[in-house]
Amino acid sequence: MIIRDDYTCPLELTHDITRGKWKPIILWLLGKEPLSLSQLEHSIKKITQKMLLEQLKELISFGIISKQTFDGYPLKVEYCLTDRGRELLQAITIMQKVGIELMLENGMNDVLKANGFAE
């Protein structure tokens, strides 16, 4: 993704960077700990490896996450949040809280419990 020359406001740019089904989830997971590609793929239901790699590449290009490669065999790669990514995580945490509240209001306790968000 390329930063355009015409934005209504800075929020529109931030939205462009984080929009989509997967990016907020990727950021949420990396907010807990650095993860490998396979760990991310395993943690996100229904995402393909191709889509995950595309989303990671975009987030890296904007400095939201970083990729660290470790020497050795087999090759180990981890993704983690940058300082800017941790700032965005604050907004995503608020969105997560609102989502939990809405799910509770709509009787989705079982879904929350199955995914580790409720007892």
N, C-alpha and C. Protein backbone atom coordinates (compact mmCIF):
# COMPACT_ATOMS: atom_id res chain seq x y z
N MET A 1 0.83 -1.18 0.00
CA MET A 1 0.00 0.00 0.00
C MET A 1 0.88 1.25 0.00
N ILE A 2 0.47 2.24 -0.72
CA ILE A 2 1.21 3.49 -0.83
C ILE A 2 0.43 4.59 -0.13
N ILE A 3 1.15 5.46 0.55
CA ILE A 3 0.49 6.62 1.17
C ILE A 3 0.09 7.57 0.05
N ARG A 4 -1.19 7.92 0.04
CA ARG A 4 -1.72 8.81 -0.99
C ARG A 4 -1.39 10.27 -0.66
N ASP A 5 -1.64 11.13 -1.61
CA ASP A 5 -1.44 12.57 -1.42
C ASP A 5 -2.68 13.27 -0.88
N ASP A 6 -3.84 12.61 -0.96
CA ASP A 6 -5.09 13.27 -0.60
C ASP A 6 -5.84 12.50 0.48
N TYR A 7 -5.77 12.98 1.69
CA TYR A 7 -6.51 12.40 2.81
C TYR A 7 -7.42 13.46 3.41
N THR A 8 -8.58 13.03 3.84
CA THR A 8 -9.51 13.94 4.51
C THR A 8 -8.94 14.37 5.85
N CYS A 9 -8.34 13.39 6.56
CA CYS A 9 -7.75 13.67 7.86
C CYS A 9 -6.74 12.56 8.18
N PRO A 10 -5.91 12.73 9.20
CA PRO A 10 -4.93 11.71 9.57
C PRO A 10 -5.55 10.36 9.92
N LEU A 11 -6.77 10.37 10.44
CA LEU A 11 -7.44 9.11 10.77
C LEU A 11 -7.63 8.25 9.53
N GLU A 12 -7.87 8.88 8.40
CA GLU A 12 -8.05 8.12 7.15
C GLU A 12 -6.77 7.37 6.79
N LEU A 13 -5.62 7.97 7.00
CA LEU A 13 -4.34 7.29 6.75
C LEU A 13 -4.17 6.11 7.71
N THR A 14 -4.44 6.33 8.98
CA THR A 14 -4.34 5.25 9.96
C THR A 14 -5.30 4.13 9.62
N HIS A 15 -6.49 4.48 9.20
CA HIS A 15 -7.47 3.47 8.79
C HIS A 15 -6.96 2.68 7.59
N ASP A 16 -6.36 3.35 6.62
CA ASP A 16 -5.80 2.64 5.46
C ASP A 16 -4.75 1.62 5.89
N ILE A 17 -3.94 2.00 6.85
CA ILE A 17 -2.86 1.12 7.31
C ILE A 17 -3.41 -0.09 8.05
N THR A 18 -4.46 0.09 8.84
CA THR A 18 -4.94 -1.00 9.71
C THR A 18 -6.21 -1.68 9.22
N ARG A 19 -6.76 -1.20 8.09
CA ARG A 19 -8.04 -1.75 7.65
C ARG A 19 -7.88 -3.19 7.16
N GLY A 20 -9.01 -3.85 7.17
CA GLY A 20 -9.05 -5.23 6.71
C GLY A 20 -9.44 -6.15 7.85
N LYS A 21 -9.73 -7.34 7.48
CA LYS A 21 -10.20 -8.34 8.43
C LYS A 21 -9.09 -8.81 9.37
N TRP A 22 -7.86 -8.85 8.87
CA TRP A 22 -6.80 -9.55 9.60
C TRP A 22 -5.85 -8.65 10.38
N LYS A 23 -5.59 -7.45 9.93
CA LYS A 23 -4.56 -6.63 10.56
C LYS A 23 -4.80 -6.35 12.04
N PRO A 24 -6.01 -5.96 12.45
CA PRO A 24 -6.21 -5.76 13.89
C PRO A 24 -5.97 -7.04 14.70
N ILE A 25 -6.33 -8.17 14.14
CA ILE A 25 -6.12 -9.44 14.85
C ILE A 25 -4.62 -9.75 14.95
N ILE A 26 -3.90 -9.51 13.87
CA ILE A 26 -2.45 -9.71 13.89
C ILE A 26 -1.81 -8.82 14.96
N LEU A 27 -2.21 -7.55 14.98
CA LEU A 27 -1.66 -6.63 15.98
C LEU A 27 -2.02 -7.06 17.40
N TRP A 28 -3.23 -7.52 17.59
CA TRP A 28 -3.67 -7.99 18.92
C TRP A 28 -2.80 -9.15 19.38
N LEU A 29 -2.58 -10.11 18.50
CA LEU A 29 -1.77 -11.28 18.86
C LEU A 29 -0.31 -10.90 19.13
N LEU A 30 0.25 -10.03 18.30
CA LEU A 30 1.63 -9.62 18.51
C LEU A 30 1.79 -8.72 19.73
N GLY A 31 0.69 -8.14 20.18
CA GLY A 31 0.73 -7.35 21.42
C GLY A 31 0.97 -8.21 22.64
N LYS A 32 0.66 -9.49 22.54
CA LYS A 32 0.88 -10.41 23.65
C LYS A 32 2.33 -10.87 23.72
N GLU A 33 2.91 -11.15 22.54
CA GLU A 33 4.29 -11.64 22.48
C GLU A 33 4.72 -11.74 21.01
N PRO A 34 6.03 -11.71 20.77
CA PRO A 34 6.51 -11.94 19.41
C PRO A 34 6.13 -13.35 18.95
N LEU A 35 5.76 -13.49 17.68
CA LEU A 35 5.32 -14.78 17.17
C LEU A 35 5.94 -15.07 15.81
N SER A 36 6.09 -16.35 15.52
CA SER A 36 6.57 -16.78 14.21
C SER A 36 5.40 -16.79 13.23
N LEU A 37 5.72 -16.95 11.96
CA LEU A 37 4.69 -17.04 10.94
C LEU A 37 3.75 -18.21 11.22
N SER A 38 4.31 -19.36 11.55
CA SER A 38 3.46 -20.53 11.80
C SER A 38 2.60 -20.34 13.05
N GLN A 39 3.11 -19.67 14.07
CA GLN A 39 2.30 -19.40 15.26
C GLN A 39 1.15 -18.47 14.93
N LEU A 40 1.42 -17.44 14.14
CA LEU A 40 0.36 -16.53 13.73
C LEU A 40 -0.69 -17.25 12.90
N GLU A 41 -0.22 -18.04 11.94
CA GLU A 41 -1.14 -18.77 11.06
C GLU A 41 -2.02 -19.72 11.86
N HIS A 42 -1.43 -20.37 12.85
CA HIS A 42 -2.19 -21.31 13.69
C HIS A 42 -3.21 -20.58 14.58
N SER A 43 -2.88 -19.36 14.99
CA SER A 43 -3.72 -18.61 15.93
C SER A 43 -4.90 -17.90 15.26
N ILE A 44 -4.82 -17.69 13.95
CA ILE A 44 -5.86 -16.94 13.25
C ILE A 44 -6.67 -17.89 12.39
N LYS A 45 -7.89 -18.12 12.79
CA LYS A 45 -8.75 -19.04 12.06
C LYS A 45 -9.03 -18.54 10.65
N LYS A 46 -8.93 -19.42 9.69
CA LYS A 46 -9.32 -19.20 8.30
C LYS A 46 -8.42 -18.26 7.52
N ILE A 47 -7.26 -17.86 8.03
CA ILE A 47 -6.36 -17.03 7.24
C ILE A 47 -5.44 -17.96 6.45
N THR A 48 -5.17 -17.60 5.21
CA THR A 48 -4.23 -18.38 4.41
C THR A 48 -2.82 -17.82 4.63
N GLN A 49 -1.84 -18.64 4.38
CA GLN A 49 -0.46 -18.18 4.55
C GLN A 49 -0.16 -17.01 3.60
N LYS A 50 -0.68 -17.08 2.39
CA LYS A 50 -0.47 -16.01 1.42
C LYS A 50 -1.03 -14.69 1.94
N MET A 51 -2.25 -14.72 2.46
CA MET A 51 -2.88 -13.51 2.99
C MET A 51 -2.11 -12.99 4.20
N LEU A 52 -1.70 -13.90 5.08
CA LEU A 52 -0.95 -13.51 6.26
C LEU A 52 0.35 -12.82 5.86
N LEU A 53 1.06 -13.38 4.91
CA LEU A 53 2.31 -12.78 4.46
C LEU A 53 2.08 -11.40 3.84
N GLU A 54 1.01 -11.23 3.09
CA GLU A 54 0.68 -9.92 2.51
C GLU A 54 0.41 -8.89 3.60
N GLN A 55 -0.37 -9.29 4.61
CA GLN A 55 -0.72 -8.37 5.70
C GLN A 55 0.54 -8.00 6.51
N LEU A 56 1.39 -8.98 6.78
CA LEU A 56 2.63 -8.73 7.52
C LEU A 56 3.53 -7.77 6.74
N LYS A 57 3.63 -7.99 5.45
CA LYS A 57 4.47 -7.13 4.60
C LYS A 57 3.99 -5.68 4.65
N GLU A 58 2.68 -5.47 4.57
CA GLU A 58 2.14 -4.11 4.65
C GLU A 58 2.41 -3.47 6.00
N LEU A 59 2.19 -4.23 7.07
CA LEU A 59 2.42 -3.70 8.42
C LEU A 59 3.89 -3.37 8.64
N ILE A 60 4.78 -4.18 8.08
CA ILE A 60 6.22 -3.90 8.17
C ILE A 60 6.56 -2.63 7.39
N SER A 61 5.98 -2.48 6.20
CA SER A 61 6.31 -1.31 5.36
C SER A 61 5.93 0.01 6.03
N PHE A 62 4.95 -0.01 6.92
CA PHE A 62 4.54 1.20 7.63
C PHE A 62 5.17 1.32 9.02
N GLY A 63 6.05 0.39 9.36
CA GLY A 63 6.73 0.47 10.64
C GLY A 63 5.86 0.11 11.83
N ILE A 64 4.81 -0.67 11.59
CA ILE A 64 3.91 -1.06 12.66
C ILE A 64 4.42 -2.32 13.36
N ILE A 65 5.00 -3.21 12.58
CA ILE A 65 5.63 -4.41 13.14
C ILE A 65 7.03 -4.54 12.54
N SER A 66 7.84 -5.36 13.17
CA SER A 66 9.17 -5.65 12.64
C SER A 66 9.36 -7.15 12.55
N LYS A 67 10.29 -7.53 11.72
CA LYS A 67 10.59 -8.94 11.47
C LYS A 67 12.04 -9.17 11.88
N GLN A 68 12.23 -10.15 12.75
CA GLN A 68 13.59 -10.46 13.20
C GLN A 68 13.93 -11.89 12.79
N THR A 69 15.09 -12.04 12.16
CA THR A 69 15.56 -13.34 11.72
C THR A 69 16.71 -13.78 12.61
N PHE A 70 16.64 -15.01 13.09
CA PHE A 70 17.66 -15.57 13.96
C PHE A 70 18.50 -16.57 13.18
N ASP A 71 19.81 -16.55 13.40
CA ASP A 71 20.70 -17.51 12.74
C ASP A 71 20.43 -18.92 13.25
N GLY A 72 20.82 -19.88 12.46
CA GLY A 72 20.69 -21.27 12.87
C GLY A 72 19.84 -22.06 11.91
N TYR A 73 19.76 -23.32 12.21
CA TYR A 73 18.94 -24.22 11.39
C TYR A 73 18.02 -24.98 12.31
N PRO A 74 16.75 -25.02 12.08
CA PRO A 74 16.08 -24.31 10.99
C PRO A 74 16.03 -22.81 11.26
N LEU A 75 15.89 -22.06 10.18
CA LEU A 75 15.82 -20.62 10.26
C LEU A 75 14.62 -20.22 11.13
N LYS A 76 14.84 -19.28 12.03
CA LYS A 76 13.75 -18.81 12.90
C LYS A 76 13.47 -17.34 12.62
N VAL A 77 12.21 -17.02 12.40
CA VAL A 77 11.77 -15.65 12.13
C VAL A 77 10.64 -15.32 13.10
N GLU A 78 10.73 -14.15 13.71
CA GLU A 78 9.66 -13.69 14.60
C GLU A 78 9.21 -12.30 14.18
N TYR A 79 7.94 -12.05 14.41
CA TYR A 79 7.34 -10.75 14.17
C TYR A 79 6.96 -10.15 15.51
N CYS A 80 7.17 -8.84 15.66
CA CYS A 80 6.79 -8.17 16.91
C CYS A 80 6.37 -6.74 16.62
N LEU A 81 5.70 -6.13 17.57
CA LEU A 81 5.24 -4.75 17.43
C LEU A 81 6.41 -3.79 17.59
N THR A 82 6.38 -2.71 16.83
CA THR A 82 7.31 -1.61 17.02
C THR A 82 6.67 -0.64 18.03
N ASP A 83 7.35 0.44 18.33
CA ASP A 83 6.76 1.44 19.23
C ASP A 83 5.45 1.97 18.65
N ARG A 84 5.44 2.23 17.34
CA ARG A 84 4.22 2.71 16.69
C ARG A 84 3.12 1.64 16.76
N GLY A 85 3.51 0.40 16.62
CA GLY A 85 2.55 -0.70 16.72
C GLY A 85 1.94 -0.80 18.10
N ARG A 86 2.77 -0.55 19.14
CA ARG A 86 2.24 -0.57 20.51
C ARG A 86 1.26 0.57 20.73
N GLU A 87 1.49 1.71 20.07
CA GLU A 87 0.54 2.81 20.16
C GLU A 87 -0.81 2.40 19.55
N LEU A 88 -0.76 1.79 18.38
CA LEU A 88 -2.00 1.32 17.73
C LEU A 88 -2.69 0.26 18.56
N LEU A 89 -1.93 -0.54 19.27
CA LEU A 89 -2.51 -1.59 20.09
C LEU A 89 -3.44 -1.02 21.15
N GLN A 90 -3.16 0.18 21.63
CA GLN A 90 -4.04 0.82 22.61
C GLN A 90 -5.45 0.99 22.03
N ALA A 91 -5.53 1.44 20.78
CA ALA A 91 -6.83 1.61 20.13
C ALA A 91 -7.49 0.26 19.90
N ILE A 92 -6.72 -0.72 19.50
CA ILE A 92 -7.27 -2.05 19.24
C ILE A 92 -7.76 -2.69 20.53
N THR A 93 -7.09 -2.42 21.63
CA THR A 93 -7.53 -2.94 22.93
C THR A 93 -8.90 -2.37 23.29
N ILE A 94 -9.11 -1.11 23.02
CA ILE A 94 -10.43 -0.51 23.26
C ILE A 94 -11.47 -1.16 22.37
N MET A 95 -11.15 -1.38 21.11
CA MET A 95 -12.07 -2.04 20.18
C MET A 95 -12.40 -3.45 20.67
N GLN A 96 -11.39 -4.16 21.18
CA GLN A 96 -11.59 -5.51 21.71
C GLN A 96 -12.57 -5.47 22.89
N LYS A 97 -12.38 -4.50 23.78
CA LYS A 97 -13.25 -4.36 24.95
C LYS A 97 -14.71 -4.13 24.53
N VAL A 98 -14.91 -3.25 23.56
CA VAL A 98 -16.26 -2.98 23.07
C VAL A 98 -16.85 -4.25 22.45
N GLY A 99 -16.05 -4.99 21.70
CA GLY A 99 -16.51 -6.25 21.11
C GLY A 99 -16.93 -7.26 22.15
N ILE A 100 -16.17 -7.36 23.24
CA ILE A 100 -16.52 -8.29 24.33
C ILE A 100 -17.85 -7.87 24.95
N GLU A 101 -18.01 -6.57 25.21
CA GLU A 101 -19.26 -6.09 25.79
C GLU A 101 -20.45 -6.40 24.90
N LEU A 102 -20.30 -6.16 23.60
CA LEU A 102 -21.39 -6.44 22.66
C LEU A 102 -21.71 -7.94 22.60
N MET A 103 -20.69 -8.77 22.63
CA MET A 103 -20.92 -10.22 22.60
C MET A 103 -21.64 -10.67 23.87
N LEU A 104 -21.26 -10.12 25.01
CA LEU A 104 -21.94 -10.47 26.26
C LEU A 104 -23.40 -10.04 26.22
N GLU A 105 -23.65 -8.82 25.71
CA GLU A 105 -25.03 -8.32 25.61
C GLU A 105 -25.88 -9.17 24.68
N ASN A 106 -25.24 -9.83 23.73
CA ASN A 106 -25.97 -10.63 22.75
C ASN A 106 -25.90 -12.13 23.04
N GLY A 107 -25.58 -12.47 24.30
CA GLY A 107 -25.61 -13.86 24.73
C GLY A 107 -24.55 -14.75 24.08
N MET A 108 -23.43 -14.19 23.73
CA MET A 108 -22.38 -14.97 23.07
C MET A 108 -21.29 -15.40 24.05
N ASN A 109 -21.71 -15.67 25.27
CA ASN A 109 -20.77 -16.07 26.33
C ASN A 109 -19.98 -17.31 25.94
N ASP A 110 -20.64 -18.27 25.28
CA ASP A 110 -19.96 -19.51 24.88
C ASP A 110 -18.83 -19.24 23.90
N VAL A 111 -19.05 -18.32 22.98
CA VAL A 111 -18.01 -17.97 22.01
C VAL A 111 -16.82 -17.34 22.71
N LEU A 112 -17.11 -16.42 23.64
CA LEU A 112 -16.05 -15.79 24.40
C LEU A 112 -15.27 -16.82 25.22
N LYS A 113 -16.01 -17.70 25.86
CA LYS A 113 -15.36 -18.72 26.68
C LYS A 113 -14.50 -19.66 25.84
N ALA A 114 -15.01 -20.07 24.68
CA ALA A 114 -14.28 -20.98 23.81
C ALA A 114 -12.98 -20.36 23.28
N ASN A 115 -12.95 -19.04 23.23
CA ASN A 115 -11.77 -18.35 22.73
C ASN A 115 -10.93 -17.71 23.84
N GLY A 116 -11.21 -18.08 25.07
CA GLY A 116 -10.39 -17.63 26.19
C GLY A 116 -10.63 -16.23 26.69
N PHE A 117 -11.82 -15.67 26.42
CA PHE A 117 -12.11 -14.31 26.87
C PHE A 117 -13.07 -14.25 28.04
N ALA A 118 -13.51 -15.38 28.52
CA ALA A 118 -14.44 -15.39 29.66
C ALA A 118 -14.25 -16.71 30.40
N GLU A 119 -14.66 -16.69 31.64
CA GLU A 119 -14.55 -17.92 32.46
C GLU A 119 -15.81 -18.74 32.38
